[in-house]
Each structure stands twice: as structure tokens, then as C-alpha cells.
PDB file of N, CA and C in Angstrom:
ATOM      1  N   UNK A   1      16.965  12.492 -17.517  1.00  0.00           N
ATOM      2  CA  UNK A   1      17.271  11.432 -18.771  1.00  0.00           C
ATOM      3  C   UNK A   1      15.752  11.011 -19.287  1.00  0.00           C
ATOM      4  N   UNK A   2      15.948  11.123 -20.474  1.00  0.00           N
ATOM      5  CA  UNK A   2      14.900  10.401 -21.202  1.00  0.00           C
ATOM      6  C   UNK A   2      15.330   9.154 -21.907  1.00  0.00           C
ATOM      7  N   UNK A   3      14.488   8.237 -22.045  1.00  0.00           N
ATOM      8  CA  UNK A   3      14.906   7.047 -22.576  1.00  0.00           C
ATOM      9  C   UNK A   3      13.786   6.880 -23.589  1.00  0.00           C
ATOM     10  N   UNK A   4      14.404   6.683 -24.919  1.00  0.00           N
ATOM     11  CA  UNK A   4      13.533   6.615 -26.094  1.00  0.00           C
ATOM     12  C   UNK A   4      13.682   5.079 -26.589  1.00  0.00           C
ATOM     13  N   UNK A   5      12.590   4.644 -27.151  1.00  0.00           N
ATOM     14  CA  UNK A   5      12.622   3.179 -27.575  1.00  0.00           C
ATOM     15  C   UNK A   5      11.510   2.925 -28.601  1.00  0.00           C
ATOM     16  N   UNK A   6      11.430   1.894 -29.158  1.00  0.00           N
ATOM     17  CA  UNK A   6      10.537   1.658 -29.955  1.00  0.00           C
ATOM     18  C   UNK A   6       9.490   0.509 -29.074  1.00  0.00           C
ATOM     19  N   UNK A   7       7.939   0.895 -29.594  1.00  0.00           N
ATOM     20  CA  UNK A   7       7.175  -0.180 -28.673  1.00  0.00           C
ATOM     21  C   UNK A   7       7.719  -1.518 -28.893  1.00  0.00           C
ATOM     22  N   UNK A   8       6.983  -2.535 -28.211  1.00  0.00           N
ATOM     23  CA  UNK A   8       7.638  -3.925 -28.351  1.00  0.00           C
ATOM     24  C   UNK A   8       7.332  -4.682 -29.598  1.00  0.00           C
ATOM     25  N   UNK A   9       6.210  -4.075 -30.346  1.00  0.00           N
ATOM     26  CA  UNK A   9       6.012  -4.754 -31.522  1.00  0.00           C
ATOM     27  C   UNK A   9       6.897  -4.138 -32.771  1.00  0.00           C
ATOM     28  N   UNK A  10       7.871  -3.166 -32.257  1.00  0.00           N
ATOM     29  CA  UNK A  10       8.651  -2.510 -33.283  1.00  0.00           C
ATOM     30  C   UNK A  10       8.175  -1.303 -34.003  1.00  0.00           C
ATOM     31  N   UNK A  11       7.350  -0.979 -33.750  1.00  0.00           N
ATOM     32  CA  UNK A  11       6.448  -0.181 -34.334  1.00  0.00           C
ATOM     33  C   UNK A  11       6.752   1.611 -33.878  1.00  0.00           C
ATOM     34  N   UNK A  12       5.882   2.075 -33.367  1.00  0.00           N
ATOM     35  CA  UNK A  12       5.797   3.355 -32.754  1.00  0.00           C
ATOM     36  C   UNK A  12       6.923   3.770 -31.849  1.00  0.00           C
ATOM     37  N   UNK A  13       7.442   4.887 -31.667  1.00  0.00           N
ATOM     38  CA  UNK A  13       8.423   5.366 -30.699  1.00  0.00           C
ATOM     39  C   UNK A  13       7.781   5.650 -29.428  1.00  0.00           C
ATOM     40  N   UNK A  14       8.457   5.587 -28.192  1.00  0.00           N
ATOM     41  CA  UNK A  14       7.626   5.801 -27.284  1.00  0.00           C
ATOM     42  C   UNK A  14       8.901   6.349 -26.117  1.00  0.00           C
ATOM     43  N   UNK A  15       8.653   7.277 -25.270  1.00  0.00           N
ATOM     44  CA  UNK A  15       9.640   7.664 -24.305  1.00  0.00           C
ATOM     45  C   UNK A  15       9.320   8.095 -23.042  1.00  0.00           C
ATOM     46  N   UNK A  16      10.150   7.953 -22.161  1.00  0.00           N
ATOM     47  CA  UNK A  16      10.023   8.072 -20.736  1.00  0.00           C
ATOM     48  C   UNK A  16      10.822   8.892 -20.146  1.00  0.00           C
ATOM     49  N   UNK A  17      10.377   9.911 -19.348  1.00  0.00           N
ATOM     50  CA  UNK A  17      11.477  11.062 -18.762  1.00  0.00           C
ATOM     51  C   UNK A  17      11.684  10.525 -17.247  1.00  0.00           C
ATOM     52  N   UNK A  18      12.737  10.586 -16.860  1.00  0.00           N
ATOM     53  CA  UNK A  18      13.239  10.204 -15.430  1.00  0.00           C
ATOM     54  C   UNK A  18      14.010  11.413 -14.888  1.00  0.00           C
ATOM     55  N   UNK A  19      13.479  11.857 -13.754  1.00  0.00           N
ATOM     56  CA  UNK A  19      14.259  12.744 -12.921  1.00  0.00           C
ATOM     57  C   UNK A  19      14.808  12.023 -11.721  1.00  0.00           C
ATOM     58  N   UNK A  20      16.157  12.267 -11.665  1.00  0.00           N
ATOM     59  CA  UNK A  20      16.864  12.003 -10.484  1.00  0.00           C
ATOM     60  C   UNK A  20      16.468  11.803  -9.143  1.00  0.00           C
ATOM     61  N   UNK A  21      15.566  13.139  -9.162  1.00  0.00           N
ATOM     62  CA  UNK A  21      15.112  13.245  -7.709  1.00  0.00           C
ATOM     63  C   UNK A  21      13.607  12.601  -7.551  1.00  0.00           C
ATOM     64  N   UNK A  22      13.142  12.057  -8.482  1.00  0.00           N
ATOM     65  CA  UNK A  22      11.538  11.518  -8.472  1.00  0.00           C
ATOM     66  C   UNK A  22      11.523   9.949  -8.076  1.00  0.00           C
ATOM     67  N   UNK A  23      12.339   9.453  -7.598  1.00  0.00           N
ATOM     68  CA  UNK A  23      12.525   7.899  -6.873  1.00  0.00           C
ATOM     69  C   UNK A  23      12.229   6.886  -7.970  1.00  0.00           C
ATOM     70  N   UNK A  24      12.685   7.228  -9.127  1.00  0.00           N
ATOM     71  CA  UNK A  24      12.776   6.493 -10.140  1.00  0.00           C
ATOM     72  C   UNK A  24      11.121   5.880 -10.912  1.00  0.00           C
ATOM     73  N   UNK A  25      10.374   6.939 -10.476  1.00  0.00           N
ATOM     74  CA  UNK A  25       9.028   7.081 -11.306  1.00  0.00           C
ATOM     75  C   UNK A  25       9.246   7.896 -12.397  1.00  0.00           C
ATOM     76  N   UNK A  26       9.015   7.174 -13.741  1.00  0.00           N
ATOM     77  CA  UNK A  26       9.364   7.586 -15.084  1.00  0.00           C
ATOM     78  C   UNK A  26       7.807   8.391 -15.223  1.00  0.00           C
ATOM     79  N   UNK A  27       7.964   9.285 -16.234  1.00  0.00           N
ATOM     80  CA  UNK A  27       6.694  10.067 -16.906  1.00  0.00           C
ATOM     81  C   UNK A  27       6.859   9.839 -18.371  1.00  0.00           C
ATOM     82  N   UNK A  28       5.956   8.741 -18.618  1.00  0.00           N
ATOM     83  CA  UNK A  28       5.785   8.470 -20.302  1.00  0.00           C
ATOM     84  C   UNK A  28       5.074   9.718 -20.984  1.00  0.00           C
ATOM     85  N   UNK A  29       5.739   9.740 -22.236  1.00  0.00           N
ATOM     86  CA  UNK A  29       5.239  10.721 -23.035  1.00  0.00           C
ATOM     87  C   UNK A  29       3.865  10.296 -23.572  1.00  0.00           C
ATOM     88  N   UNK A  30       3.106  11.507 -24.074  1.00  0.00           N
ATOM     89  CA  UNK A  30       1.673  11.201 -24.417  1.00  0.00           C
ATOM     90  C   UNK A  30       1.826  11.170 -26.190  1.00  0.00           C
ATOM     91  N   UNK A  31       2.863  11.593 -26.596  1.00  0.00           N
ATOM     92  CA  UNK A  31       3.209  11.479 -28.052  1.00  0.00           C
ATOM     93  C   UNK A  31       4.675  11.623 -28.384  1.00  0.00           C
ATOM     94  N   UNK A  32       5.220  10.808 -29.437  1.00  0.00           N
ATOM     95  CA  UNK A  32       6.439  11.035 -29.617  1.00  0.00           C
ATOM     96  C   UNK A  32       6.389  10.979 -31.326  1.00  0.00           C
ATOM     97  N   UNK A  33       7.202  11.694 -32.157  1.00  0.00           N
ATOM     98  CA  UNK A  33       7.103  11.781 -33.410  1.00  0.00           C
ATOM     99  C   UNK A  33       8.597  12.185 -33.817  1.00  0.00           C
ATOM    100  N   UNK A  34       8.934  11.176 -34.950  1.00  0.00           N
ATOM    101  CA  UNK A  34      10.562  11.601 -35.746  1.00  0.00           C
ATOM    102  C   UNK A  34       9.982  11.636 -36.990  1.00  0.00           C
ATOM    103  N   UNK A  35      10.186  12.807 -37.772  1.00  0.00           N
ATOM    104  CA  UNK A  35      10.096  12.972 -39.226  1.00  0.00           C
ATOM    105  C   UNK A  35      11.314  13.902 -39.484  1.00  0.00           C
ATOM    106  N   UNK A  36      11.956  12.881 -40.375  1.00  0.00           N
ATOM    107  CA  UNK A  36      13.505  13.259 -40.752  1.00  0.00           C
ATOM    108  C   UNK A  36      14.384  13.045 -39.541  1.00  0.00           C
ATOM    109  N   UNK A  37      14.967  14.354 -39.061  1.00  0.00           N
ATOM    110  CA  UNK A  37      15.899  14.468 -38.036  1.00  0.00           C
ATOM    111  C   UNK A  37      14.929  15.163 -37.103  1.00  0.00           C
ATOM    112  N   UNK A  38      13.665  15.672 -37.239  1.00  0.00           N
ATOM    113  CA  UNK A  38      13.103  16.324 -36.171  1.00  0.00           C
ATOM    114  C   UNK A  38      12.209  15.429 -35.202  1.00  0.00           C
ATOM    115  N   UNK A  39      12.644  15.703 -33.911  1.00  0.00           N
ATOM    116  CA  UNK A  39      12.051  14.853 -33.010  1.00  0.00           C
ATOM    117  C   UNK A  39      11.121  15.726 -32.023  1.00  0.00           C
ATOM    118  N   UNK A  40       9.725  15.205 -31.837  1.00  0.00           N
ATOM    119  CA  UNK A  40       9.057  16.023 -30.944  1.00  0.00           C
ATOM    120  C   UNK A  40       8.442  15.021 -29.992  1.00  0.00           C
ATOM    121  N   UNK A  41       8.373  15.456 -28.719  1.00  0.00           N
ATOM    122  CA  UNK A  41       7.709  14.656 -27.453  1.00  0.00           C
ATOM    123  C   UNK A  41       6.708  15.540 -26.603  1.00  0.00           C
ATOM    124  N   UNK A  42       5.744  14.927 -26.523  1.00  0.00           N
ATOM    125  CA  UNK A  42       4.765  15.811 -25.467  1.00  0.00           C
ATOM    126  C   UNK A  42       4.621  15.172 -24.248  1.00  0.00           C
ATOM    127  N   UNK A  43       4.833  15.572 -23.318  1.00  0.00           N
ATOM    128  CA  UNK A  43       4.448  14.985 -21.789  1.00  0.00           C
ATOM    129  C   UNK A  43       3.140  15.414 -21.149  1.00  0.00           C
ATOM    130  N   UNK A  44       2.146  15.105 -21.441  1.00  0.00           N
ATOM    131  CA  UNK A  44       0.935  15.928 -21.013  1.00  0.00           C
ATOM    132  C   UNK A  44       0.953  15.766 -19.226  1.00  0.00           C
ATOM    133  N   UNK A  45       1.489  14.643 -18.828  1.00  0.00           N
ATOM    134  CA  UNK A  45       1.067  14.664 -17.215  1.00  0.00           C
ATOM    135  C   UNK A  45       2.039  15.771 -16.614  1.00  0.00           C
ATOM    136  N   UNK A  46       2.950  16.555 -17.463  1.00  0.00           N
ATOM    137  CA  UNK A  46       3.435  17.667 -16.473  1.00  0.00           C
ATOM    138  C   UNK A  46       3.218  19.114 -17.380  1.00  0.00           C
ATOM    139  N   UNK A  47       2.508  19.033 -18.563  1.00  0.00           N
ATOM    140  CA  UNK A  47       2.281  20.115 -19.526  1.00  0.00           C
ATOM    141  C   UNK A  47       3.552  20.602 -20.091  1.00  0.00           C
ATOM    142  N   UNK A  48       4.407  19.748 -20.714  1.00  0.00           N
ATOM    143  CA  UNK A  48       5.598  20.148 -21.400  1.00  0.00           C
ATOM    144  C   UNK A  48       5.790  19.340 -22.867  1.00  0.00           C
ATOM    145  N   UNK A  49       6.605  20.026 -23.602  1.00  0.00           N
ATOM    146  CA  UNK A  49       6.781  19.504 -24.793  1.00  0.00           C
ATOM    147  C   UNK A  49       8.473  19.471 -25.008  1.00  0.00           C
ATOM    148  N   UNK A  50       8.887  18.789 -25.771  1.00  0.00           N
ATOM    149  CA  UNK A  50      10.066  18.967 -26.215  1.00  0.00           C
ATOM    150  C   UNK A  50      10.396  18.577 -27.854  1.00  0.00           C
ATOM    151  N   UNK A  51      11.191  19.776 -28.365  1.00  0.00           N
ATOM    152  CA  UNK A  51      11.360  19.523 -29.694  1.00  0.00           C
ATOM    153  C   UNK A  51      12.737  19.818 -30.014  1.00  0.00           C
ATOM    154  N   UNK A  52      13.401  18.863 -30.782  1.00  0.00           N
ATOM    155  CA  UNK A  52      14.790  18.842 -31.172  1.00  0.00           C
ATOM    156  C   UNK A  52      15.164  18.213 -32.660  1.00  0.00           C
ATOM    157  N   UNK A  53      16.599  18.382 -32.826  1.00  0.00           N
ATOM    158  CA  UNK A  53      16.957  17.841 -34.142  1.00  0.00           C
ATOM    159  C   UNK A  53      18.076  16.826 -33.756  1.00  0.00           C
ATOM    160  N   UNK A  54      17.839  15.819 -34.348  1.00  0.00           N
ATOM    161  CA  UNK A  54      18.723  14.252 -34.058  1.00  0.00           C
ATOM    162  C   UNK A  54      19.928  14.552 -34.925  1.00  0.00           C
ATOM    163  N   UNK A  55      20.953  14.409 -34.258  1.00  0.00           N
ATOM    164  CA  UNK A  55      22.576  14.407 -35.434  1.00  0.00           C
ATOM    165  C   UNK A  55      23.141  13.304 -34.664  1.00  0.00           C
ATOM    166  N   UNK A  56      23.545  12.105 -35.295  1.00  0.00           N
ATOM    167  CA  UNK A  56      24.252  10.982 -34.925  1.00  0.00           C
ATOM    168  C   UNK A  56      23.708  10.338 -33.441  1.00  0.00           C
ATOM    169  N   UNK A  57      24.469  10.965 -32.230  1.00  0.00           N
ATOM    170  CA  UNK A  57      24.123  10.542 -31.434  1.00  0.00           C
ATOM    171  C   UNK A  57      23.563  11.503 -30.028  1.00  0.00           C
ATOM    172  N   UNK A  58      23.209  12.680 -30.718  1.00  0.00           N
ATOM    173  CA  UNK A  58      22.787  13.678 -29.930  1.00  0.00           C
ATOM    174  C   UNK A  58      21.736  14.441 -30.499  1.00  0.00           C
ATOM    175  N   UNK A  59      20.864  14.854 -29.609  1.00  0.00           N
ATOM    176  CA  UNK A  59      19.656  15.853 -30.244  1.00  0.00           C
ATOM    177  C   UNK A  59      19.916  17.235 -29.401  1.00  0.00           C
ATOM    178  N   UNK A  60      19.999  18.134 -30.135  1.00  0.00           N
ATOM    179  CA  UNK A  60      19.801  19.531 -29.822  1.00  0.00           C
ATOM    180  C   UNK A  60      18.255  19.958 -29.749  1.00  0.00           C
ATOM    181  N   UNK A  61      18.134  20.399 -28.746  1.00  0.00           N
ATOM    182  CA  UNK A  61      16.523  20.926 -28.662  1.00  0.00           C
ATOM    183  C   UNK A  61      16.151  21.692 -27.430  1.00  0.00           C
ATOM    184  N   UNK A  62      14.796  21.958 -27.160  1.00  0.00           N
ATOM    185  CA  UNK A  62      14.135  22.799 -26.237  1.00  0.00           C
ATOM    186  C   UNK A  62      13.144  22.163 -25.528  1.00  0.00           C
ATOM    187  N   UNK A  63      13.233  22.243 -24.243  1.00  0.00           N
ATOM    188  CA  UNK A  63      12.025  21.430 -23.455  1.00  0.00           C
ATOM    189  C   UNK A  63      11.060  22.662 -22.961  1.00  0.00           C
ATOM    190  N   UNK A  64       9.837  22.881 -23.214  1.00  0.00           N
ATOM    191  CA  UNK A  64       8.847  24.053 -22.801  1.00  0.00           C
ATOM    192  C   UNK A  64       7.888  23.570 -21.785  1.00  0.00           C
ATOM    193  N   UNK A  65       8.094  24.067 -21.048  1.00  0.00           N
ATOM    194  CA  UNK A  65       6.827  24.179 -19.559  1.00  0.00           C
ATOM    195  C   UNK A  65       6.646  25.437 -19.263  1.00  0.00           C
ATOM    196  N   UNK A  66       6.103  26.254 -20.043  1.00  0.00           N
ATOM    197  CA  UNK A  66       6.066  27.618 -19.649  1.00  0.00           C
ATOM    198  C   UNK A  66       7.025  28.381 -20.220  1.00  0.00           C
ATOM    199  N   UNK A  67       8.306  28.549 -19.606  1.00  0.00           N
ATOM    200  CA  UNK A  67       9.304  29.122 -20.398  1.00  0.00           C
ATOM    201  C   UNK A  67      10.329  27.822 -21.073  1.00  0.00           C
ATOM    202  N   UNK A  68      10.676  28.301 -22.552  1.00  0.00           N
ATOM    203  CA  UNK A  68      11.640  27.306 -22.961  1.00  0.00           C
ATOM    204  C   UNK A  68      12.877  27.278 -22.407  1.00  0.00           C
ATOM    205  N   UNK A  69      13.627  25.999 -22.398  1.00  0.00           N
ATOM    206  CA  UNK A  69      14.816  25.637 -21.716  1.00  0.00           C
ATOM    207  C   UNK A  69      15.418  24.986 -22.904  1.00  0.00           C
ATOM    208  N   UNK A  70      16.572  25.484 -23.085  1.00  0.00           N
ATOM    209  CA  UNK A  70      17.487  24.806 -23.894  1.00  0.00           C
ATOM    210  C   UNK A  70      18.067  23.357 -23.317  1.00  0.00           C
ATOM    211  N   UNK A  71      17.733  22.203 -24.026  1.00  0.00           N
ATOM    212  CA  UNK A  71      17.995  20.952 -23.399  1.00  0.00           C
ATOM    213  C   UNK A  71      18.623  19.943 -24.569  1.00  0.00           C
ATOM    214  N   UNK A  72      19.793  19.639 -24.568  1.00  0.00           N
ATOM    215  CA  UNK A  72      20.628  19.034 -25.449  1.00  0.00           C
ATOM    216  C   UNK A  72      20.899  17.352 -24.606  1.00  0.00           C
ATOM    217  N   UNK A  73      20.549  16.635 -25.491  1.00  0.00           N
ATOM    218  CA  UNK A  73      20.865  15.285 -24.845  1.00  0.00           C
ATOM    219  C   UNK A  73      21.867  14.620 -25.955  1.00  0.00           C
ATOM    220  N   UNK A  74      22.488  13.469 -25.084  1.00  0.00           N
ATOM    221  CA  UNK A  74      23.443  13.094 -25.851  1.00  0.00           C
ATOM    222  C   UNK A  74      23.292  11.404 -25.326  1.00  0.00           C
ATOM    223  N   UNK A  75      23.560  10.340 -26.242  1.00  0.00           N
ATOM    224  CA  UNK A  75      23.300   9.038 -26.067  1.00  0.00           C
ATOM    225  C   UNK A  75      24.064   8.508 -24.596  1.00  0.00           C
ATOM    226  N   UNK A  76      23.564   7.859 -23.775  1.00  0.00           N
ATOM    227  CA  UNK A  76      24.425   7.695 -22.747  1.00  0.00           C
ATOM    228  C   UNK A  76      25.233   6.348 -23.075  1.00  0.00           C
ATOM    229  N   UNK A  77      26.353   6.269 -22.728  1.00  0.00           N
ATOM    230  CA  UNK A  77      27.184   4.918 -22.861  1.00  0.00           C
ATOM    231  C   UNK A  77      27.001   3.823 -21.697  1.00  0.00           C
ATOM    232  N   UNK A  78      27.765   2.848 -21.505  1.00  0.00           N
ATOM    233  CA  UNK A  78      27.665   1.941 -20.296  1.00  0.00           C
ATOM    234  C   UNK A  78      28.360   2.710 -19.178  1.00  0.00           C
ATOM    235  N   UNK A  79      29.449   3.669 -19.571  1.00  0.00           N
ATOM    236  CA  UNK A  79      30.102   4.451 -18.472  1.00  0.00           C
ATOM    237  C   UNK A  79      29.252   5.575 -17.825  1.00  0.00           C
ATOM    238  N   UNK A  80      28.473   6.220 -18.705  1.00  0.00           N
ATOM    239  CA  UNK A  80      27.931   7.316 -18.277  1.00  0.00           C
ATOM    240  C   UNK A  80      26.212   7.298 -18.057  1.00  0.00           C
ATOM    241  N   UNK A  81      25.728   6.089 -18.396  1.00  0.00           N
ATOM    242  CA  UNK A  81      24.141   5.810 -18.028  1.00  0.00           C
ATOM    243  C   UNK A  81      24.072   5.527 -16.584  1.00  0.00           C
ATOM    244  N   UNK A  82      22.829   6.347 -16.012  1.00  0.00           N
ATOM    245  CA  UNK A  82      22.949   6.160 -14.556  1.00  0.00           C
ATOM    246  C   UNK A  82      21.648   4.963 -14.618  1.00  0.00           C
ATOM    247  N   UNK A  83      21.822   4.092 -13.347  1.00  0.00           N
ATOM    248  CA  UNK A  83      20.799   3.082 -12.945  1.00  0.00           C
ATOM    249  C   UNK A  83      19.471   3.836 -12.592  1.00  0.00           C
ATOM    250  N   UNK A  84      18.305   3.446 -13.327  1.00  0.00           N
ATOM    251  CA  UNK A  84      17.179   4.045 -12.857  1.00  0.00           C
ATOM    252  C   UNK A  84      16.739   3.206 -11.658  1.00  0.00           C
ATOM    253  N   UNK A  85      16.400   3.913 -10.530  1.00  0.00           N
ATOM    254  CA  UNK A  85      16.215   3.177  -9.456  1.00  0.00           C
ATOM    255  C   UNK A  85      14.702   2.590  -8.989  1.00  0.00           C
ATOM    256  N   UNK A  86      14.605   1.535  -8.469  1.00  0.00           N
ATOM    257  CA  UNK A  86      13.374   0.756  -8.105  1.00  0.00           C
ATOM    258  C   UNK A  86      12.425   1.785  -7.397  1.00  0.00           C
ATOM    259  N   UNK A  87      11.045   2.085  -7.850  1.00  0.00           N
ATOM    260  CA  UNK A  87      10.598   2.855  -6.783  1.00  0.00           C
ATOM    261  C   UNK A  87      10.130   2.145  -5.403  1.00  0.00           C
ATOM    262  N   UNK A  88       9.924   3.228  -4.604  1.00  0.00           N
ATOM    263  CA  UNK A  88       9.884   2.565  -3.094  1.00  0.00           C
ATOM    264  C   UNK A  88       8.305   1.567  -3.208  1.00  0.00           C
ATOM    265  N   UNK A  89       8.562   0.679  -2.352  1.00  0.00           N
ATOM    266  CA  UNK A  89       7.275  -0.355  -2.476  1.00  0.00           C
ATOM    267  C   UNK A  89       5.958   0.682  -2.064  1.00  0.00           C
ATOM    268  N   UNK A  90       5.851   1.715  -1.360  1.00  0.00           N
ATOM    269  CA  UNK A  90       4.732   2.596  -1.363  1.00  0.00           C
ATOM    270  C   UNK A  90       4.346   3.202  -2.400  1.00  0.00           C
ATOM    271  N   UNK A  91       5.184   3.449  -3.617  1.00  0.00           N
ATOM    272  CA  UNK A  91       4.774   4.176  -4.720  1.00  0.00           C
ATOM    273  C   UNK A  91       4.223   2.987  -6.020  1.00  0.00           C
ATOM    274  N   UNK A  92       4.716   1.734  -5.777  1.00  0.00           N
ATOM    275  CA  UNK A  92       4.157   0.763  -6.894  1.00  0.00           C
ATOM    276  C   UNK A  92       2.791   0.618  -6.912  1.00  0.00           C
ATOM    277  N   UNK A  93       2.231   0.206  -7.958  1.00  0.00           N
ATOM    278  CA  UNK A  93       0.928  -0.084  -8.157  1.00  0.00           C
ATOM    279  C   UNK A  93       0.549  -1.261  -7.310  1.00  0.00           C
ATOM    280  N   UNK A  94      -0.628  -1.051  -6.738  1.00  0.00           N
ATOM    281  CA  UNK A  94      -1.260  -2.445  -6.004  1.00  0.00           C
ATOM    282  C   UNK A  94      -1.501  -3.443  -6.794  1.00  0.00           C
ATOM    283  N   UNK A  95      -1.166  -4.860  -6.415  1.00  0.00           N
ATOM    284  CA  UNK A  95      -1.325  -5.875  -7.308  1.00  0.00           C
ATOM    285  C   UNK A  95      -2.772  -6.201  -7.829  1.00  0.00           C
ATOM    286  N   UNK A  96      -3.109  -6.480  -8.731  1.00  0.00           N
ATOM    287  CA  UNK A  96      -4.825  -6.775  -9.523  1.00  0.00           C
ATOM    288  C   UNK A  96      -5.297  -7.706  -8.626  1.00  0.00           C
ATOM    289  N   UNK A  97      -4.377  -8.535  -8.023  1.00  0.00           N
ATOM    290  CA  UNK A  97      -5.144  -9.514  -6.969  1.00  0.00           C
ATOM    291  C   UNK A  97      -5.371  -9.184  -5.538  1.00  0.00           C
ATOM    292  N   UNK A  98      -4.918  -7.946  -5.247  1.00  0.00           N
ATOM    293  CA  UNK A  98      -4.955  -7.620  -3.911  1.00  0.00           C
ATOM    294  C   UNK A  98      -6.334  -7.459  -3.421  1.00  0.00           C
ATOM    295  N   UNK A  99      -6.534  -7.755  -1.866  1.00  0.00           N
ATOM    296  CA  UNK A  99      -7.702  -7.578  -1.064  1.00  0.00           C
ATOM    297  C   UNK A  99      -7.562  -6.543  -0.369  1.00  0.00           C
ATOM    298  N   UNK A 100      -7.592  -5.254  -0.419  1.00  0.00           N
ATOM    299  CA  UNK A 100      -7.475  -4.394   0.826  1.00  0.00           C
ATOM    300  C   UNK A 100      -8.764  -4.211   1.672  1.00  0.00           C
ATOM    301  N   UNK A 101      -8.468  -3.945   2.979  1.00  0.00           N
ATOM    302  CA  UNK A 101      -9.455  -3.880   3.636  1.00  0.00           C
ATOM    303  C   UNK A 101      -9.481  -2.317   4.402  1.00  0.00           C
ATOM    304  N   UNK A 102     -10.613  -1.547   4.739  1.00  0.00           N
ATOM    305  CA  UNK A 102     -10.371  -0.268   5.151  1.00  0.00           C
ATOM    306  C   UNK A 102     -11.089  -0.417   6.454  1.00  0.00           C
ATOM    307  N   UNK A 103     -10.916   0.359   7.504  1.00  0.00           N
ATOM    308  CA  UNK A 103     -11.281   0.795   8.698  1.00  0.00           C
ATOM    309  C   UNK A 103     -11.659   2.424   8.694  1.00  0.00           C
ATOM    310  N   UNK A 104     -12.808   2.388   9.259  1.00  0.00           N
ATOM    311  CA  UNK A 104     -13.121   3.912   9.335  1.00  0.00           C
ATOM    312  C   UNK A 104     -13.682   4.183  10.740  1.00  0.00           C
ATOM    313  N   UNK A 105     -13.091   5.353  11.187  1.00  0.00           N
ATOM    314  CA  UNK A 105     -13.491   6.177  12.486  1.00  0.00           C
ATOM    315  C   UNK A 105     -14.000   7.341  12.254  1.00  0.00           C
ATOM    316  N   UNK A 106     -15.037   7.668  13.088  1.00  0.00           N
ATOM    317  CA  UNK A 106     -15.589   8.894  13.129  1.00  0.00           C
ATOM    318  C   UNK A 106     -15.411   9.380  14.724  1.00  0.00           C
ATOM    319  N   UNK A 107     -14.596  10.695  14.683  1.00  0.00           N
ATOM    320  CA  UNK A 107     -14.462  11.499  16.058  1.00  0.00           C
ATOM    321  C   UNK A 107     -15.329  12.426  15.982  1.00  0.00           C
ATOM    322  N   UNK A 108     -15.979  12.690  17.247  1.00  0.00           N
ATOM    323  CA  UNK A 108     -16.950  13.721  17.474  1.00  0.00           C
ATOM    324  C   UNK A 108     -16.466  14.392  18.623  1.00  0.00           C
ATOM    325  N   UNK A 109     -15.927  15.539  18.677  1.00  0.00           N
ATOM    326  CA  UNK A 109     -15.190  16.092  19.985  1.00  0.00           C
ATOM    327  C   UNK A 109     -16.530  16.819  20.798  1.00  0.00           C
ATOM    328  N   UNK A 110     -17.536  16.912  20.238  1.00  0.00           N
ATOM    329  CA  UNK A 110     -18.776  17.335  21.239  1.00  0.00           C
ATOM    330  C   UNK A 110     -20.007  16.571  21.047  1.00  0.00           C
ATOM    331  N   UNK A 111     -21.058  16.542  21.608  1.00  0.00           N
ATOM    332  CA  UNK A 111     -22.338  15.982  21.190  1.00  0.00           C
ATOM    333  C   UNK A 111     -22.783  16.485  20.084  1.00  0.00           C
ATOM    334  N   UNK A 112     -23.667  15.982  19.130  1.00  0.00           N
ATOM    335  CA  UNK A 112     -24.249  16.325  17.945  1.00  0.00           C
ATOM    336  C   UNK A 112     -25.065  17.753  18.170  1.00  0.00           C
ATOM    337  N   UNK A 113     -25.623  17.559  19.418  1.00  0.00           N
ATOM    338  CA  UNK A 113     -26.653  18.812  19.912  1.00  0.00           C
ATOM    339  C   UNK A 113     -26.191  19.825  20.242  1.00  0.00           C
ATOM    340  N   UNK A 114     -24.936  20.094  20.731  1.00  0.00           N
ATOM    341  CA  UNK A 114     -24.133  21.078  21.310  1.00  0.00           C
ATOM    342  C   UNK A 114     -23.065  21.572  20.236  1.00  0.00           C
ATOM    343  N   UNK A 115     -22.698  22.913  20.495  1.00  0.00           N
ATOM    344  CA  UNK A 115     -21.910  23.534  19.634  1.00  0.00           C
ATOM    345  C   UNK A 115     -20.446  23.141  20.010  1.00  0.00           C
ATOM    346  N   UNK A 116     -19.285  22.803  19.289  1.00  0.00           N
ATOM    347  CA  UNK A 116     -18.095  22.517  19.444  1.00  0.00           C
ATOM    348  C   UNK A 116     -17.633  23.696  20.001  1.00  0.00           C
ATOM    349  N   UNK A 117     -16.241  23.603  20.631  1.00  0.00           N
ATOM    350  CA  UNK A 117     -15.286  24.399  20.957  1.00  0.00           C
ATOM    351  C   UNK A 117     -14.537  25.239  19.939  1.00  0.00           C
ATOM    352  N   UNK A 118     -14.169  24.272  19.035  1.00  0.00           N
ATOM    353  CA  UNK A 118     -13.210  24.425  17.758  1.00  0.00           C
ATOM    354  C   UNK A 118     -11.939  24.166  18.237  1.00  0.00           C
ATOM    355  N   UNK A 119     -11.159  24.229  17.418  1.00  0.00           N
ATOM    356  CA  UNK A 119      -9.900  23.892  17.448  1.00  0.00           C
ATOM    357  C   UNK A 119      -8.959  25.110  16.624  1.00  0.00           C
ATOM    358  N   UNK A 120      -7.850  25.102  17.148  1.00  0.00           N
ATOM    359  CA  UNK A 120      -6.760  26.293  16.642  1.00  0.00           C
ATOM    360  C   UNK A 120      -5.495  25.864  16.449  1.00  0.00           C
TER     361      UNK A 120
END
């Protein structure tokens, strides 16, 4: 699923790619342009681009990440849209006011002057 919207100030387009198997973590585009009916999106985080032609509620285009792949998009309705899941807590960014603590342990299987037996 690709969610395309205008920035909060109503200006430039932005887009986020969601993969149903990626735990709700979206990948934001690095660039989105719409010139006439030609839409171009770049996903620098995965080295991919999308180019398509907008016509009504659909976009006919190609996603390229190495090999080009035909990818036609259709505007989702309330009945067809799937809910973007919340990412698990372990994947959410740490709060700005967090105060993490770290403990470090060093394990030496033999004395520093002797040669270790190795591990297999």
C-alpha cells in the first residue's frame, strides 16, 4: 500500500510505502513529483523508484528495484482499505526524555597470558 498525501502546510506531496509483512513500519519517499498526470516517487531507503500515470482514481505504473515490476495502484475505499497496524513497542523510537542505562560485562574464558582453547 502506498499512502500519498500533501504535507501539513498543504504544499508538497509526500508518500509512505507500507508492506503488510513489515509490522506497520512505513518507508517514506525521498521525493515525490506530479507533473500533469505523471507521478514519480523515489524510495532511497530501499533503492527503488516508481513511475506512473494518474488517471481518475488509479495509477498505472512501474516499480523499479533492479528489475522493473508492473505495479498498478487504485484508490482504496472504506471497504477495501486495510488498517495500518501499530508497530510493536520494541520498534517504536525511544522517547526524547528517556534515560537509558547500560551494563557491560566482559567474559574472558582464560587468563590474558594464556592461550584460549577456542570454541567450535
